[in-house]
């Protein structure tokens, strides 16, 4: 962030406000559309935690927010918000991730380390990438 306030300005290859805003908006647009496509099970709870019985709760879970929003970045350019079939596939994948017992290895208490963060983002990234293969 220091570079963003440097007198010589920002290196646009690192921080491009127009591109970055578009990516930000698209990230949450596709997450909303994906969640709505499986609204009976996910809906507005895309960032909700999951209890031990696999039920999605309504409260905000920062690790789910972090995982989905950052995990999408490597495939964001391949996603088309106007492709309802693709959004449905993404929604089903989001539900699959939330119900995956392995998710518990990446969330919850004691997962606030650099190693855990990297593993969590990689977990979400690899799972979300599966919709493109």
Protein backbone atom coordinates (compact mmCIF):
# COMPACT_ATOMS: atom_id res chain seq x y z
CA UNK A 1 0.00 0.00 0.00
CA UNK A 2 2.97 2.30 0.42
CA UNK A 3 3.33 2.36 -3.36
CA UNK A 4 -0.26 3.55 -3.72
CA UNK A 5 0.59 6.76 -1.88
CA UNK A 6 4.11 7.27 -3.29
CA UNK A 7 4.75 10.72 -4.82
CA UNK A 8 5.79 9.14 -8.14
CA UNK A 9 2.47 7.34 -8.31
CA UNK A 10 1.47 3.74 -8.64
CA UNK A 11 2.91 1.10 -10.92
CA UNK A 12 -0.25 0.27 -12.93
CA UNK A 13 0.92 -3.30 -13.48
CA UNK A 14 0.60 -3.82 -9.72
CA UNK A 15 -2.36 -1.62 -8.88
CA UNK A 16 -4.77 -0.47 -11.55
CA UNK A 17 -7.83 1.10 -9.93
CA UNK A 18 -10.10 0.55 -12.94
CA UNK A 19 -9.09 -3.08 -13.51
CA UNK A 20 -9.09 -3.85 -9.81
CA UNK A 21 -12.55 -2.36 -9.28
CA UNK A 22 -13.89 -4.41 -12.21
CA UNK A 23 -12.35 -7.57 -10.73
CA UNK A 24 -13.77 -6.75 -7.30
CA UNK A 25 -17.28 -6.20 -8.66
CA UNK A 26 -17.14 -9.31 -10.85
CA UNK A 27 -15.90 -11.44 -7.94
CA UNK A 28 -18.93 -10.66 -5.81
CA UNK A 29 -21.32 -10.68 -8.77
CA UNK A 30 -20.40 -14.26 -9.68
CA UNK A 31 -20.47 -15.33 -6.03
CA UNK A 32 -23.97 -13.86 -5.67
CA UNK A 33 -25.19 -15.50 -8.88
CA UNK A 34 -23.62 -18.81 -7.92
CA UNK A 35 -25.19 -18.70 -4.45
CA UNK A 36 -28.59 -17.77 -5.90
CA UNK A 37 -28.38 -20.71 -8.30
CA UNK A 38 -28.43 -23.06 -5.30
CA UNK A 39 -30.61 -20.77 -3.20
CA UNK A 40 -32.40 -23.57 -1.37
CA UNK A 41 -29.15 -24.63 0.26
CA UNK A 42 -26.78 -21.66 0.03
CA UNK A 43 -28.54 -18.45 -1.01
CA UNK A 44 -27.46 -15.54 1.16
CA UNK A 45 -25.28 -17.84 3.28
CA UNK A 46 -22.38 -18.14 0.81
CA UNK A 47 -20.03 -16.87 3.52
CA UNK A 48 -21.79 -18.71 6.35
CA UNK A 49 -20.01 -21.30 8.45
CA UNK A 50 -20.98 -24.96 8.42
CA UNK A 51 -21.76 -26.93 11.56
CA UNK A 52 -20.57 -30.46 12.30
CA UNK A 53 -23.72 -31.88 10.68
CA UNK A 54 -23.03 -30.05 7.41
CA UNK A 55 -25.71 -27.39 7.87
CA UNK A 56 -24.85 -23.95 6.53
CA UNK A 57 -25.30 -21.31 9.19
CA UNK A 58 -26.21 -17.68 8.63
CA UNK A 59 -23.37 -16.02 10.48
CA UNK A 60 -20.43 -14.60 8.53
CA UNK A 61 -17.31 -16.80 8.52
CA UNK A 62 -14.21 -14.82 7.58
CA UNK A 63 -12.35 -17.91 6.33
CA UNK A 64 -15.18 -18.72 3.90
CA UNK A 65 -15.21 -15.11 2.70
CA UNK A 66 -11.44 -15.17 2.27
CA UNK A 67 -11.42 -18.59 0.62
CA UNK A 68 -14.15 -17.92 -1.93
CA UNK A 69 -13.18 -14.37 -2.83
CA UNK A 70 -9.45 -15.06 -3.15
CA UNK A 71 -9.89 -18.57 -4.50
CA UNK A 72 -11.85 -17.24 -7.47
CA UNK A 73 -9.13 -14.89 -8.66
CA UNK A 74 -7.20 -17.41 -10.78
CA UNK A 75 -10.34 -18.34 -12.72
CA UNK A 76 -12.15 -14.99 -12.66
CA UNK A 77 -11.33 -14.17 -16.29
CA UNK A 78 -12.81 -17.52 -17.36
CA UNK A 79 -16.12 -16.86 -15.63
CA UNK A 80 -19.07 -15.31 -17.44
CA UNK A 81 -21.79 -13.93 -15.15
CA UNK A 82 -24.25 -14.14 -18.08
CA UNK A 83 -23.70 -17.89 -18.45
CA UNK A 84 -26.36 -19.29 -16.13
CA UNK A 85 -25.14 -22.87 -16.60
CA UNK A 86 -21.65 -21.85 -15.51
CA UNK A 87 -23.03 -19.94 -12.51
CA UNK A 88 -25.07 -23.00 -11.53
CA UNK A 89 -21.92 -25.14 -11.80
CA UNK A 90 -20.08 -22.64 -9.61
CA UNK A 91 -22.96 -22.68 -7.13
CA UNK A 92 -22.89 -26.47 -6.93
CA UNK A 93 -19.12 -26.35 -6.44
CA UNK A 94 -19.51 -23.78 -3.64
CA UNK A 95 -22.03 -26.07 -1.94
CA UNK A 96 -19.70 -29.04 -2.41
CA UNK A 97 -16.84 -27.08 -0.84
CA UNK A 98 -18.97 -26.02 2.12
CA UNK A 99 -20.06 -29.63 2.72
CA UNK A 100 -16.56 -31.10 2.22
CA UNK A 101 -15.23 -32.50 5.53
CA UNK A 102 -11.74 -31.41 4.42
CA UNK A 103 -12.85 -27.78 4.71
CA UNK A 104 -12.65 -28.15 8.50
CA UNK A 105 -8.88 -28.65 8.12
CA UNK A 106 -8.66 -25.12 6.70
CA UNK A 107 -11.09 -23.20 8.92
CA UNK A 108 -11.82 -22.74 12.60
CA UNK A 109 -9.62 -22.10 15.59
CA UNK A 110 -5.85 -22.03 15.17
CA UNK A 111 -6.00 -21.35 11.43
CA UNK A 112 -4.76 -17.77 11.57
CA UNK A 113 -1.16 -18.41 10.48
CA UNK A 114 0.57 -17.68 7.19
CA UNK A 115 0.87 -21.40 6.47
CA UNK A 116 -2.83 -22.01 7.22
CA UNK A 117 -3.81 -18.97 5.13
CA UNK A 118 -1.85 -20.19 2.11
CA UNK A 119 -3.24 -23.72 2.48
CA UNK A 120 -6.80 -22.37 2.76
CA UNK A 121 -6.54 -20.17 -0.32
CA UNK A 122 -4.93 -23.03 -2.27
CA UNK A 123 -7.71 -25.41 -1.16
CA UNK A 124 -10.44 -23.04 -2.40
CA UNK A 125 -8.49 -22.19 -5.57
CA UNK A 126 -7.98 -25.83 -6.54
CA UNK A 127 -11.59 -26.77 -5.78
CA UNK A 128 -13.00 -23.81 -7.72
CA UNK A 129 -10.67 -24.50 -10.65
CA UNK A 130 -12.39 -27.90 -11.05
CA UNK A 131 -15.41 -26.24 -12.69
CA UNK A 132 -13.24 -25.34 -15.68
CA UNK A 133 -11.94 -28.84 -16.35
